[in-house]
Amino acid sequence: MFADPASGNYHLQPNSPGIDSGDSSAASVGTLDLDKNARLWDAKSFGHAVVDRGAYELNGMAPPEADGLSQGSQFYGCLIILAVGIVLVLVMRTQKKTPGNHSS
């Protein structure tokens, strides 16, 4: 049922009866599991999302309707990389010596 409970790994195995067998209407379910993955996921392709029993969802991917957060994080990550690149170019430009300013 669990991946490795002796080591404290309580993620579900792919053949676990706990997959898609929880109560999605329970107030304590929340929207994310302990790994910060979407709590509702249609792992068995029932045609609708059902929460897994336990603290972790089997599928580590976020469903398309809940993927906005990860896309937003990727977007901001790209902006940071772009900003760092621009700063590096500007620093390199200012450190270049202009021709004719060397004294002999």
C-alpha atoms as a PDB file:
ATOM      1  CA  MET A   1       0.000   0.000   0.000  1.00  0.00           C
ATOM      2  CA  PHE A   2       2.751   2.511   0.992  1.00  0.00           C
ATOM      3  CA  ALA A   3       6.081   2.959  -0.802  1.00  0.00           C
ATOM      4  CA  ASP A   4       8.370   2.384   2.227  1.00  0.00           C
ATOM      5  CA  PRO A   5       6.688   2.887   5.609  1.00  0.00           C
ATOM      6  CA  ALA A   6       9.760   1.569   7.502  1.00  0.00           C
ATOM      7  CA  SER A   7      11.675   4.612   6.211  1.00  0.00           C
ATOM      8  CA  GLY A   8       8.782   6.991   6.770  1.00  0.00           C
ATOM      9  CA  ASN A   9       7.792   7.107   3.072  1.00  0.00           C
ATOM     10  CA  TYR A  10       4.002   7.010   3.113  1.00  0.00           C
ATOM     11  CA  HIS A  11       3.489   7.773  -0.566  1.00  0.00           C
ATOM     12  CA  LEU A  12       1.055   5.364  -2.196  1.00  0.00           C
ATOM     13  CA  GLN A  13       2.238   2.596  -4.482  1.00  0.00           C
ATOM     14  CA  PRO A  14       0.623   2.456  -7.965  1.00  0.00           C
ATOM     15  CA  ASN A  15      -1.431  -0.625  -6.990  1.00  0.00           C
ATOM     16  CA  SER A  16      -2.629   0.772  -3.642  1.00  0.00           C
ATOM     17  CA  PRO A  17      -6.341   0.509  -2.833  1.00  0.00           C
ATOM     18  CA  GLY A  18      -6.028   4.013  -1.333  1.00  0.00           C
ATOM     19  CA  ILE A  19      -5.823   5.610  -4.791  1.00  0.00           C
ATOM     20  CA  ASP A  20      -8.959   7.558  -5.763  1.00  0.00           C
ATOM     21  CA  SER A  21     -10.847   6.105  -2.799  1.00  0.00           C
ATOM     22  CA  GLY A  22     -10.979   9.058  -0.401  1.00  0.00           C
ATOM     23  CA  ASP A  23     -13.806  11.466   0.410  1.00  0.00           C
ATOM     24  CA  SER A  24     -13.206  14.563  -1.718  1.00  0.00           C
ATOM     25  CA  SER A  25     -15.964  16.453   0.077  1.00  0.00           C
ATOM     26  CA  ALA A  26     -14.267  16.185   3.482  1.00  0.00           C
ATOM     27  CA  ALA A  27     -13.466  19.632   4.868  1.00  0.00           C
ATOM     28  CA  SER A  28      -9.947  18.654   5.935  1.00  0.00           C
ATOM     29  CA  VAL A  29      -8.813  17.449   2.489  1.00  0.00           C
ATOM     30  CA  GLY A  30      -7.436  20.816   1.344  1.00  0.00           C
ATOM     31  CA  THR A  31      -6.198  21.581  -2.168  1.00  0.00           C
ATOM     32  CA  LEU A  32      -2.579  20.355  -1.859  1.00  0.00           C
ATOM     33  CA  ASP A  33      -0.964  17.236  -0.420  1.00  0.00           C
ATOM     34  CA  LEU A  34       2.142  17.313   1.792  1.00  0.00           C
ATOM     35  CA  ASP A  35       4.365  17.478  -1.313  1.00  0.00           C
ATOM     36  CA  LYS A  36       2.415  20.561  -2.490  1.00  0.00           C
ATOM     37  CA  ASN A  37       0.848  18.602  -5.372  1.00  0.00           C
ATOM     38  CA  ALA A  38      -2.811  19.031  -6.302  1.00  0.00           C
ATOM     39  CA  ARG A  39      -4.996  17.013  -3.927  1.00  0.00           C
ATOM     40  CA  LEU A  40      -7.656  16.118  -6.483  1.00  0.00           C
ATOM     41  CA  TRP A  41      -6.386  14.027  -9.371  1.00  0.00           C
ATOM     42  CA  ASP A  42      -8.094  11.430 -11.544  1.00  0.00           C
ATOM     43  CA  ALA A  43      -5.354   8.789 -11.239  1.00  0.00           C
ATOM     44  CA  LYS A  44      -7.616   5.900 -12.301  1.00  0.00           C
ATOM     45  CA  SER A  45      -9.259   7.827 -15.177  1.00  0.00           C
ATOM     46  CA  PHE A  46     -12.772   7.714 -13.730  1.00  0.00           C
ATOM     47  CA  GLY A  47     -13.593  10.908 -15.607  1.00  0.00           C
ATOM     48  CA  HIS A  48     -13.596  12.987 -12.415  1.00  0.00           C
ATOM     49  CA  ALA A  49     -11.002  13.769  -9.776  1.00  0.00           C
ATOM     50  CA  VAL A  50     -11.121  11.808  -6.522  1.00  0.00           C
ATOM     51  CA  VAL A  51      -8.800  12.383  -3.581  1.00  0.00           C
ATOM     52  CA  ASP A  52      -6.474   9.567  -2.521  1.00  0.00           C
ATOM     53  CA  ARG A  53      -6.520   8.282   1.045  1.00  0.00           C
ATOM     54  CA  GLY A  54      -3.562   9.462   3.071  1.00  0.00           C
ATOM     55  CA  ALA A  55      -1.353  12.532   3.000  1.00  0.00           C
ATOM     56  CA  TYR A  56      -0.040  12.192  -0.571  1.00  0.00           C
ATOM     57  CA  GLU A  57      -1.612  11.925  -4.011  1.00  0.00           C
ATOM     58  CA  LEU A  58      -0.143   9.198  -6.205  1.00  0.00           C
ATOM     59  CA  ASN A  59       0.365  11.389  -9.260  1.00  0.00           C
ATOM     60  CA  GLY A  60       2.974  14.085  -8.670  1.00  0.00           C
ATOM     61  CA  MET A  61       1.788  16.159 -11.634  1.00  0.00           C
ATOM     62  CA  ALA A  62      -0.728  18.925 -11.146  1.00  0.00           C
ATOM     63  CA  PRO A  63      -3.929  18.538 -13.163  1.00  0.00           C
ATOM     64  CA  PRO A  64      -4.402  21.065 -15.977  1.00  0.00           C
ATOM     65  CA  GLU A  65      -6.991  23.087 -14.060  1.00  0.00           C
ATOM     66  CA  ALA A  66      -4.669  23.482 -11.065  1.00  0.00           C
ATOM     67  CA  ASP A  67      -1.455  24.044 -13.012  1.00  0.00           C
ATOM     68  CA  GLY A  68      -1.580  27.853 -12.990  1.00  0.00           C
ATOM     69  CA  LEU A  69       0.626  28.122  -9.910  1.00  0.00           C
ATOM     70  CA  SER A  70       3.455  26.091 -11.390  1.00  0.00           C
ATOM     71  CA  GLN A  71       3.207  27.973 -14.694  1.00  0.00           C
ATOM     72  CA  GLY A  72       3.346  31.245 -12.778  1.00  0.00           C
ATOM     73  CA  SER A  73       6.408  30.060 -10.880  1.00  0.00           C
ATOM     74  CA  GLN A  74       8.096  29.083 -14.144  1.00  0.00           C
ATOM     75  CA  PHE A  75       7.244  32.489 -15.606  1.00  0.00           C
ATOM     76  CA  TYR A  76       8.806  34.362 -12.682  1.00  0.00           C
ATOM     77  CA  GLY A  77      11.838  32.073 -12.788  1.00  0.00           C
ATOM     78  CA  CYS A  78      12.339  32.974 -16.462  1.00  0.00           C
ATOM     79  CA  LEU A  79      12.006  36.680 -15.641  1.00  0.00           C
ATOM     80  CA  ILE A  80      14.704  36.379 -12.980  1.00  0.00           C
ATOM     81  CA  ILE A  81      17.056  34.614 -15.399  1.00  0.00           C
ATOM     82  CA  LEU A  82      16.395  37.301 -18.020  1.00  0.00           C
ATOM     83  CA  ALA A  83      17.041  40.095 -15.498  1.00  0.00           C
ATOM     84  CA  VAL A  84      20.323  38.504 -14.398  1.00  0.00           C
ATOM     85  CA  GLY A  85      21.388  38.216 -18.046  1.00  0.00           C
ATOM     86  CA  ILE A  86      20.612  41.886 -18.697  1.00  0.00           C
ATOM     87  CA  VAL A  87      22.554  42.966 -15.610  1.00  0.00           C
ATOM     88  CA  LEU A  88      25.557  40.886 -16.703  1.00  0.00           C
ATOM     89  CA  VAL A  89      25.526  42.467 -20.175  1.00  0.00           C
ATOM     90  CA  LEU A  90      25.340  45.957 -18.680  1.00  0.00           C
ATOM     91  CA  VAL A  91      28.197  45.242 -16.277  1.00  0.00           C
ATOM     92  CA  MET A  92      30.357  43.872 -19.092  1.00  0.00           C
ATOM     93  CA  ARG A  93      29.630  46.947 -21.229  1.00  0.00           C
ATOM     94  CA  THR A  94      30.610  49.372 -18.482  1.00  0.00           C
ATOM     95  CA  GLN A  95      33.852  47.507 -17.817  1.00  0.00           C
ATOM     96  CA  LYS A  96      35.004  47.707 -21.416  1.00  0.00           C
ATOM     97  CA  LYS A  97      37.743  50.234 -21.944  1.00  0.00           C
ATOM     98  CA  THR A  98      36.993  52.865 -24.508  1.00  0.00           C
ATOM     99  CA  PRO A  99      39.591  53.193 -27.303  1.00  0.00           C
ATOM    100  CA  GLY A 100      42.026  56.076 -27.001  1.00  0.00           C
ATOM    101  CA  ASN A 101      41.844  56.416 -23.215  1.00  0.00           C
ATOM    102  CA  HIS A 102      45.105  54.530 -22.565  1.00  0.00           C
ATOM    103  CA  SER A 103      48.041  56.596 -21.406  1.00  0.00           C
ATOM    104  CA  SER A 104      51.552  55.598 -22.474  1.00  0.00           C
END
